[in-house]
Each structure stands twice: as structure tokens, then as C-alpha cells.
Amino acid sequence: MDTKQPSEHKLTPYRSEQPEVEEGTITVNTSGHTQELERNFSIVSICAVGIVTGNTWCALGGSIVVALYNGGPTGVIFEFLAVSVFYWMIGACIAELASAIPSSSGVYHWAAATSAPRYSKFIGFLAGYWNFFAWVFGSASMSSILANEVLAMWGLFHPDYVAERWHVFICYIIISWSCCAVVLFANRALPMVNNIGLFLTLGGCFLTILVCAIMPTTTGAGHATTAAVWSSWSNDTGYKSNGLVFVTGMLNGAFSVGTPDCVSHLAEEIPRSRVNVPKAIAAQLGVGFVTGLFYLIAIFYSINDIDALMNNPYTNPLAELYRQATGSKAGSCGLLIVVFLVRCL
């Protein structure tokens, strides 16, 4: 039996520039490792992964009340614009690295390959350590937001309901394990799932923007003034420095935009990864920016009572925001279902 193994390859930019090669019966990919994964993703499905995972407009909605303390609607919009510029730079750097060294390892591989040999392992460990926890906490936050959305939908039609922490936790566990089950037992279906998610993400954003733009006029509640949306800075954080408040408020935008490396971890599951991964990163950041900006503008113009939004009784503030926009609890629940489905995928 032939036990020939692929020769050792140094993880260098030079090696990464080579195409996949066959060594005996074992395929060695462009990062110098044995190819273990099936390349199930196409350029469309890999772009869908980035857009669905990034899901900028949904993430903005989930943290909207926290964001409003840092400047009000005006602050949230301009903080998002500032964050987007910085993340475009980060995305460009990641795209260049993904093109030169396409590897599912992502940041810890790049950190090790581009640092001095003496410190490469330690620096790679630090990069991987922080990236690991970023994804763990990011995933946990999404499951938590979904759990709160479920309870908010219930609370819309049950005014006497009082949410308990353990209610949120039970929903959180069910959602987290459901998502894990899809990854574990339906791996080959993931490209299709992400394509469906892409449709829901774009369609859901378009639908939500239309509803928030049209319904306030239809119900008679009216829209917020242009001054309230674009020039009414408010500092409700307790800090005196508006500059500090603006910078801390950028964290809310960073939370919604901050996954530009997600598609790089699928570099070994897509053909021509050196070309397709940078394209997917560009699609993710571009679509995320456009949908996020128009979503923020639409929902802020639909708010007619910001104090009620800040002091809403629901576990997720979007329930009150959408209730104001649509003028009905049913309309609010419908838009929450859209957000819930988009987040799940």
C-alpha cells in the first residue's frame, strides 16, 4: 500500500501563489496543506455567506436602543458611516491576505506567515485566540438577540407577560443548538441555506424599508422631522465629552459591520479561492453598507415617540419601533418574524 505523504511545506506567500497540486493521490492546496474539505460553495453562495453572516441591517436593529444613547438618531447614522470607512480599509487588507494566502485558518495563519519567524507561532496563537473568542461571543450575541425577539413577539399580544431571565436562556439554548445541528448534520446543504438566507436578507431589508417609509403616512402618525434624524445630537450616556460619546457609539456600528473575515474561513471550500474570497468580502461590505444605511434612515424617520422607544416594555426594542412604524401589533410582529428568519439563516 502506498503510504506516501505530502512533503512539508512552509507557509509562505511564495508557496501560496502556487495552484493546487497532486502529490501521489493527495491534493495539496494553495496554503500548503492537504486538502480535506469538499469545495461545495460557488461564488454566489460564498457571497451569500458573507452577506448573511454580516447581516448588517439586522444587527443594527437589534442594538438600536443602546446605540441611541450615543448621539440619538443623528449620532447612530454618522457613527455607522465612520465605522464603515474603517472597515472598508480592514476588508481591503483581509482581501489582499486572502488572495495571497487563501486558508481557512484565516487571521492566525496570516499573522504567523507575515511575522518574524522567531515570533510567528506566538503571534499566530494570539491572533487565533482573540479571533476564536470574537466568533464565540458574536454567535452568542446573535442567539441572545433571537431569543429576545421570540419573547418580544409573545409580549406584543400578552400585555401582562413579564419576561424572566430563564425564559431568554431557554430560547437561547434552543436556537443555539438548532443552528449547531444544521452545521453538524446538513453540511452539504449549507450553500443552499445561505442562498435562501441571501434572498431573505435582501428581500427582508427591502420590505422593512418600504413598510417603515410608507406606513407612518398611511396610519396618520407621520414621520419624524429631518432635523430629528440628521441634526439632533443627544448625549444620554452621562459622559461630558461628545467626542468620547461618538467614539464609544462607533462600537454599535462595529458590532453590525465587524465580520469582514467570515468568508475567508471558507477558502478551502470554494474553487479559485484567491479570486472568489476577495470578491465575497467586497460584496459583503458593499451590500452591508447600503442596506444598513437605508435601513437606519427608514426606521429613524418612522419613529414618532422616541421616549416610548427608549422605555419600551419588550425584551427587544424593535417590537416598539415597528409598532410605531406600522401602527399595529400585528404589523410589528410581522416585521419581527422577517428579522427572526433572516437572523436564523
Protein backbone atom coordinates (compact mmCIF):
# COMPACT_ATOMS: atom_id res chain seq x y z
CA MET A 1 0.00 0.00 0.00
CA ASP A 2 1.28 3.42 -0.91
CA THR A 3 1.82 5.38 2.28
CA LYS A 4 3.41 8.37 0.63
CA GLN A 5 2.56 11.58 2.43
CA PRO A 6 2.81 15.13 1.07
CA SER A 7 6.10 16.79 1.77
CA GLU A 8 6.37 19.52 4.35
CA HIS A 9 5.59 22.99 3.03
CA LYS A 10 6.50 26.26 4.65
CA LEU A 11 3.58 28.63 4.97
CA THR A 12 4.98 31.46 2.91
CA PRO A 13 3.46 33.87 0.40
CA TYR A 14 5.56 32.20 -2.30
CA ARG A 15 4.00 28.82 -1.61
CA SER A 16 0.52 30.32 -1.54
CA GLU A 17 0.92 31.63 -5.05
CA GLN A 18 1.10 28.12 -6.45
CA PRO A 19 -2.04 26.33 -7.67
CA GLU A 20 -3.26 23.14 -6.08
CA VAL A 21 -1.00 20.23 -6.91
CA GLU A 22 -1.32 16.47 -6.77
CA GLU A 23 1.31 14.64 -4.76
CA GLY A 24 0.67 10.95 -5.25
CA THR A 25 -3.04 10.57 -4.50
CA ILE A 26 -3.21 13.51 -2.10
CA THR A 27 -4.20 17.02 -3.15
CA VAL A 28 -2.16 19.81 -1.58
CA ASN A 29 -3.99 23.13 -1.56
CA THR A 30 -2.57 26.60 -2.10
CA SER A 31 -1.74 27.10 1.58
CA GLY A 32 0.48 24.02 1.55
CA HIS A 33 -1.87 21.72 3.47
CA THR A 34 -3.57 18.50 2.45
CA GLN A 35 -6.99 19.36 1.01
CA GLU A 36 -9.52 17.85 3.42
CA LEU A 37 -12.75 19.72 2.66
CA GLU A 38 -15.16 19.45 -0.24
CA ARG A 39 -15.47 22.56 -2.36
CA ASN A 40 -19.26 22.87 -2.15
CA PHE A 41 -19.56 26.64 -2.49
CA SER A 42 -19.94 28.70 -5.66
CA ILE A 43 -19.22 32.42 -6.00
CA VAL A 44 -22.91 33.17 -5.40
CA SER A 45 -23.16 31.00 -2.29
CA ILE A 46 -19.89 32.34 -0.85
CA CYS A 47 -21.15 35.90 -1.32
CA ALA A 48 -24.37 34.79 0.34
CA VAL A 49 -22.36 33.53 3.33
CA GLY A 50 -20.72 36.93 3.74
CA ILE A 51 -23.92 38.93 3.36
CA VAL A 52 -26.00 36.63 5.57
CA THR A 53 -23.32 36.29 8.26
CA GLY A 54 -22.60 40.01 8.23
CA ASN A 55 -26.32 40.85 8.19
CA THR A 56 -25.59 44.48 8.95
CA TRP A 57 -29.10 45.88 8.97
CA CYS A 58 -30.42 43.21 11.34
CA ALA A 59 -27.53 43.71 13.76
CA LEU A 60 -28.14 47.47 13.74
CA GLY A 61 -31.79 46.93 14.62
CA GLY A 62 -31.01 44.54 17.45
CA SER A 63 -28.87 47.07 19.31
CA ILE A 64 -30.73 50.22 18.33
CA VAL A 65 -31.72 51.43 21.82
CA VAL A 66 -28.18 51.07 23.16
CA ALA A 67 -26.93 52.95 20.12
CA LEU A 68 -29.39 55.82 20.60
CA TYR A 69 -27.81 56.78 23.92
CA ASN A 70 -24.67 57.71 21.97
CA GLY A 71 -25.92 60.69 20.00
CA GLY A 72 -29.51 59.83 19.13
CA PRO A 73 -30.53 59.07 15.52
CA THR A 74 -28.01 61.58 14.17
CA GLY A 75 -25.18 60.04 16.12
CA VAL A 76 -26.08 56.49 15.11
CA ILE A 77 -26.07 57.33 11.40
CA PHE A 78 -22.79 59.23 11.38
CA GLU A 79 -21.11 56.72 13.69
CA PHE A 80 -22.13 53.98 11.28
CA LEU A 81 -20.67 55.95 8.36
CA ALA A 82 -17.38 56.43 10.21
CA VAL A 83 -17.18 52.77 11.19
CA SER A 84 -17.87 51.67 7.63
CA VAL A 85 -14.91 53.65 6.29
CA PHE A 86 -12.56 51.97 8.75
CA TYR A 87 -13.97 48.53 8.00
CA TRP A 88 -13.54 49.09 4.26
CA MET A 89 -9.83 49.51 4.98
CA ILE A 90 -9.80 46.38 7.12
CA GLY A 91 -11.73 44.50 4.45
CA ALA A 92 -9.23 45.56 1.78
CA CYS A 93 -6.35 44.26 3.91
CA ILE A 94 -8.11 40.96 4.57
CA ALA A 95 -8.96 40.58 0.88
CA GLU A 96 -5.30 41.07 -0.05
CA LEU A 97 -4.18 38.49 2.51
CA ALA A 98 -6.89 36.05 1.42
CA SER A 99 -5.75 36.43 -2.17
CA ALA A 100 -2.08 35.88 -1.32
CA ILE A 101 -2.57 33.15 1.31
CA PRO A 102 -6.01 31.53 0.89
CA SER A 103 -6.51 29.44 4.02
CA SER A 104 -9.49 28.51 6.16
CA SER A 105 -7.29 29.30 9.16
CA GLY A 106 -7.69 32.97 8.38
CA VAL A 107 -6.15 35.55 10.67
CA TYR A 108 -3.90 33.29 12.73
CA HIS A 109 -2.36 31.81 9.59
CA TRP A 110 -1.74 35.26 8.14
CA ALA A 111 -0.36 36.57 11.42
CA ALA A 112 2.10 33.68 11.59
CA ALA A 113 3.09 33.86 7.91
CA THR A 114 3.71 37.61 7.87
CA SER A 115 5.55 37.99 11.19
CA ALA A 116 9.18 37.35 12.03
CA PRO A 117 9.93 33.60 12.15
CA ARG A 118 11.11 33.88 15.74
CA TYR A 119 7.73 35.14 16.95
CA SER A 120 5.41 33.68 14.31
CA LYS A 121 3.92 30.91 16.45
CA PHE A 122 3.24 33.19 19.40
CA ILE A 123 1.73 35.93 17.25
CA GLY A 124 -0.35 33.39 15.35
CA PHE A 125 -1.61 31.99 18.66
CA LEU A 126 -2.65 35.43 19.89
CA ALA A 127 -4.45 36.21 16.63
CA GLY A 128 -6.28 32.89 16.68
CA TYR A 129 -7.08 33.22 20.39
CA TRP A 130 -8.81 36.56 20.01
CA ASN A 131 -10.48 35.62 16.73
CA PHE A 132 -11.89 32.49 18.36
CA PHE A 133 -13.46 34.43 21.21
CA ALA A 134 -14.75 37.09 18.84
CA TRP A 135 -16.72 34.46 16.94
CA VAL A 136 -17.89 32.72 20.11
CA PHE A 137 -19.22 35.92 21.66
CA GLY A 138 -20.57 37.16 18.33
CA SER A 139 -22.54 33.95 17.83
CA ALA A 140 -23.77 34.09 21.42
CA SER A 141 -24.98 37.66 20.96
CA MET A 142 -26.95 36.72 17.83
CA SER A 143 -28.63 33.80 19.62
CA SER A 144 -29.42 36.09 22.54
CA ILE A 145 -30.99 38.70 20.26
CA LEU A 146 -33.07 35.99 18.58
CA ALA A 147 -34.24 34.72 21.96
CA ASN A 148 -35.31 38.22 22.96
CA GLU A 149 -37.15 38.63 19.65
CA VAL A 150 -39.18 35.48 20.33
CA LEU A 151 -40.23 36.80 23.74
CA ALA A 152 -40.94 40.25 22.29
CA MET A 153 -43.33 38.73 19.74
CA TRP A 154 -45.09 36.90 22.55
CA GLY A 155 -45.20 40.04 24.68
CA LEU A 156 -46.85 42.06 21.91
CA PHE A 157 -50.05 40.05 22.28
CA HIS A 158 -49.80 39.32 26.00
CA PRO A 159 -49.56 42.68 27.81
CA ASP A 160 -49.46 41.03 31.23
CA TYR A 161 -46.48 38.87 30.36
CA VAL A 162 -43.32 39.58 32.34
CA ALA A 163 -40.16 38.17 30.77
CA GLU A 164 -37.81 36.31 33.08
CA ARG A 165 -34.12 35.70 32.51
CA TRP A 166 -34.61 31.97 32.35
CA HIS A 167 -37.17 32.44 29.58
CA VAL A 168 -34.49 34.12 27.50
CA PHE A 169 -31.97 31.43 28.38
CA ILE A 170 -34.26 28.56 27.33
CA CYS A 171 -34.93 30.21 23.97
CA TYR A 172 -31.22 30.94 23.62
CA ILE A 173 -30.29 27.27 24.16
CA ILE A 174 -32.89 26.01 21.68
CA ILE A 175 -31.78 28.46 18.99
CA SER A 176 -28.06 27.83 19.52
CA TRP A 177 -28.36 24.05 19.34
CA SER A 178 -30.70 24.24 16.35
CA CYS A 179 -28.08 26.22 14.44
CA CYS A 180 -25.35 23.81 15.54
CA ALA A 181 -27.44 20.87 14.33
CA VAL A 182 -27.71 22.36 10.85
CA VAL A 183 -23.93 22.78 10.63
CA LEU A 184 -23.24 19.31 12.02
CA PHE A 185 -25.78 17.26 10.11
CA ALA A 186 -26.56 19.28 6.98
CA ASN A 187 -23.14 20.49 5.88
CA ARG A 188 -23.78 19.87 2.20
CA ALA A 189 -27.00 21.86 2.41
CA LEU A 190 -25.23 24.96 3.75
CA PRO A 191 -24.73 26.60 0.32
CA MET A 192 -28.46 26.26 -0.40
CA VAL A 193 -29.33 27.51 3.10
CA ASN A 194 -27.15 30.56 2.57
CA ASN A 195 -28.70 31.23 -0.84
CA ILE A 196 -32.12 31.22 0.82
CA GLY A 197 -30.72 33.47 3.53
CA LEU A 198 -29.42 35.87 0.88
CA PHE A 199 -32.90 36.18 -0.60
CA LEU A 200 -34.45 36.74 2.83
CA THR A 201 -31.76 39.24 3.85
CA LEU A 202 -32.16 41.43 0.78
CA GLY A 203 -35.90 40.93 0.44
CA GLY A 204 -36.50 41.43 4.16
CA CYS A 205 -34.50 44.64 4.20
CA PHE A 206 -36.34 45.99 1.16
CA LEU A 207 -39.71 45.06 2.66
CA THR A 208 -38.88 46.61 6.04
CA ILE A 209 -37.68 49.84 4.45
CA LEU A 210 -40.86 50.09 2.37
CA VAL A 211 -43.11 49.46 5.37
CA CYS A 212 -41.28 51.97 7.58
CA ALA A 213 -41.33 54.57 4.79
CA ILE A 214 -44.99 54.16 3.80
CA MET A 215 -46.96 53.11 6.87
CA PRO A 216 -46.46 56.21 9.10
CA THR A 217 -48.26 58.29 6.46
CA THR A 218 -50.98 55.68 6.00
CA THR A 219 -51.71 55.39 9.72
CA GLY A 220 -51.61 59.14 10.26
CA ALA A 221 -48.79 59.01 12.79
CA GLY A 222 -46.49 60.87 10.43
CA HIS A 223 -42.73 60.77 10.03
CA ALA A 224 -40.03 62.25 12.20
CA THR A 225 -38.64 65.59 11.08
CA THR A 226 -35.48 65.84 9.02
CA ALA A 227 -33.85 67.78 11.85
CA ALA A 228 -34.65 64.96 14.30
CA VAL A 229 -32.93 62.43 12.06
CA TRP A 230 -29.94 64.37 10.73
CA SER A 231 -29.07 67.16 13.15
CA SER A 232 -30.41 66.39 16.64
CA TRP A 233 -27.36 65.22 18.57
CA SER A 234 -28.20 63.97 22.06
CA ASN A 235 -25.84 62.67 24.72
CA ASP A 236 -27.60 60.42 27.22
CA THR A 237 -24.57 58.45 28.36
CA GLY A 238 -23.58 60.60 31.32
CA TYR A 239 -20.20 61.49 29.78
CA LYS A 240 -19.47 65.17 29.17
CA SER A 241 -17.24 64.74 26.13
CA ASN A 242 -19.25 64.43 22.92
CA GLY A 243 -16.12 63.23 21.14
CA LEU A 244 -15.80 60.32 23.56
CA VAL A 245 -19.50 59.55 23.16
CA PHE A 246 -19.11 59.49 19.38
CA VAL A 247 -16.16 57.11 19.57
CA THR A 248 -17.89 54.77 22.03
CA GLY A 249 -21.00 54.94 19.86
CA MET A 250 -18.96 53.62 16.96
CA LEU A 251 -18.85 50.30 18.80
CA ASN A 252 -22.50 49.77 17.93
CA GLY A 253 -21.73 50.21 14.26
CA ALA A 254 -18.68 47.98 14.60
CA PHE A 255 -20.88 45.27 16.10
CA SER A 256 -23.05 45.29 12.99
CA VAL A 257 -20.26 45.50 10.41
CA GLY A 258 -17.47 43.65 12.15
CA THR A 259 -17.28 40.26 10.40
CA PRO A 260 -15.22 41.00 7.26
CA ASP A 261 -13.14 37.85 7.73
CA CYS A 262 -16.04 35.37 7.78
CA VAL A 263 -15.79 34.20 4.15
CA SER A 264 -12.02 33.80 4.43
CA HIS A 265 -12.63 30.78 6.67
CA LEU A 266 -14.26 29.03 3.72
CA ALA A 267 -11.24 29.50 1.44
CA GLU A 268 -10.77 25.74 1.22
CA GLU A 269 -14.42 25.12 0.36
CA ILE A 270 -14.64 27.19 -2.82
CA PRO A 271 -12.84 26.88 -6.18
CA ARG A 272 -10.43 29.67 -7.17
CA SER A 273 -10.40 30.98 -3.62
CA ARG A 274 -7.66 33.52 -4.37
CA VAL A 275 -10.12 35.36 -6.62
CA ASN A 276 -13.50 34.49 -5.18
CA VAL A 277 -12.85 35.20 -1.50
CA PRO A 278 -11.88 38.87 -2.11
CA LYS A 279 -14.98 39.25 -4.30
CA ALA A 280 -17.13 37.88 -1.50
CA ILE A 281 -15.57 40.27 1.02
CA ALA A 282 -16.32 43.20 -1.28
CA ALA A 283 -19.91 42.00 -1.75
CA GLN A 284 -20.40 41.60 1.99
CA LEU A 285 -19.13 45.06 2.91
CA GLY A 286 -20.82 46.79 -0.02
CA VAL A 287 -24.24 45.23 0.47
CA GLY A 288 -23.98 45.58 4.24
CA PHE A 289 -23.26 49.30 3.97
CA VAL A 290 -26.09 50.06 1.54
CA THR A 291 -28.72 48.01 3.36
CA GLY A 292 -27.60 49.23 6.78
CA LEU A 293 -27.63 52.91 5.85
CA PHE A 294 -31.03 52.87 4.17
CA TYR A 295 -32.47 50.76 6.98
CA LEU A 296 -31.30 53.26 9.61
CA ILE A 297 -32.74 56.19 7.68
CA ALA A 298 -36.08 54.42 7.21
CA ILE A 299 -36.55 53.36 10.83
CA PHE A 300 -35.49 56.73 12.25
CA TYR A 301 -38.00 58.56 10.07
CA SER A 302 -40.70 56.14 11.27
CA ILE A 303 -40.16 56.87 14.99
CA ASN A 304 -42.82 59.22 16.36
CA ASP A 305 -42.17 58.78 20.10
CA ILE A 306 -38.53 58.23 20.93
CA ASP A 307 -39.17 58.28 24.70
CA ALA A 308 -41.58 55.34 24.35
CA LEU A 309 -38.93 53.52 22.35
CA MET A 310 -36.24 54.12 24.96
CA ASN A 311 -38.54 52.91 27.75
CA ASN A 312 -40.33 50.12 25.89
CA PRO A 313 -41.57 47.12 27.92
CA TYR A 314 -40.46 44.48 25.42
CA THR A 315 -37.36 42.32 25.52
CA ASN A 316 -36.38 43.59 22.06
CA PRO A 317 -36.76 47.30 21.20
CA LEU A 318 -37.66 46.56 17.59
CA ALA A 319 -41.09 45.45 18.78
CA GLU A 320 -41.91 49.01 19.89
CA LEU A 321 -40.14 50.61 16.94
CA TYR A 322 -42.07 48.54 14.42
CA ARG A 323 -45.30 49.11 16.35
CA GLN A 324 -44.81 52.84 15.95
CA ALA A 325 -43.93 52.43 12.27
CA THR A 326 -46.91 50.22 11.38
CA GLY A 327 -49.41 51.44 13.94
CA SER A 328 -50.33 47.88 14.92
CA LYS A 329 -49.04 44.98 16.95
CA ALA A 330 -49.70 42.58 14.08
CA GLY A 331 -47.55 44.67 11.75
CA SER A 332 -44.80 44.79 14.34
CA CYS A 333 -44.93 41.02 14.78
CA GLY A 334 -44.78 40.51 11.02
CA LEU A 335 -41.61 42.58 10.67
CA LEU A 336 -40.10 40.83 13.70
CA ILE A 337 -40.73 37.48 12.02
CA VAL A 338 -38.84 38.74 8.97
CA VAL A 339 -35.88 39.75 11.15
CA PHE A 340 -36.04 36.45 13.04
CA LEU A 341 -35.91 34.37 9.86
CA VAL A 342 -33.05 36.45 8.47
CA ARG A 343 -31.03 36.07 11.66
CA CYS A 344 -31.68 32.33 11.85
CA LEU A 345 -30.19 31.82 8.40
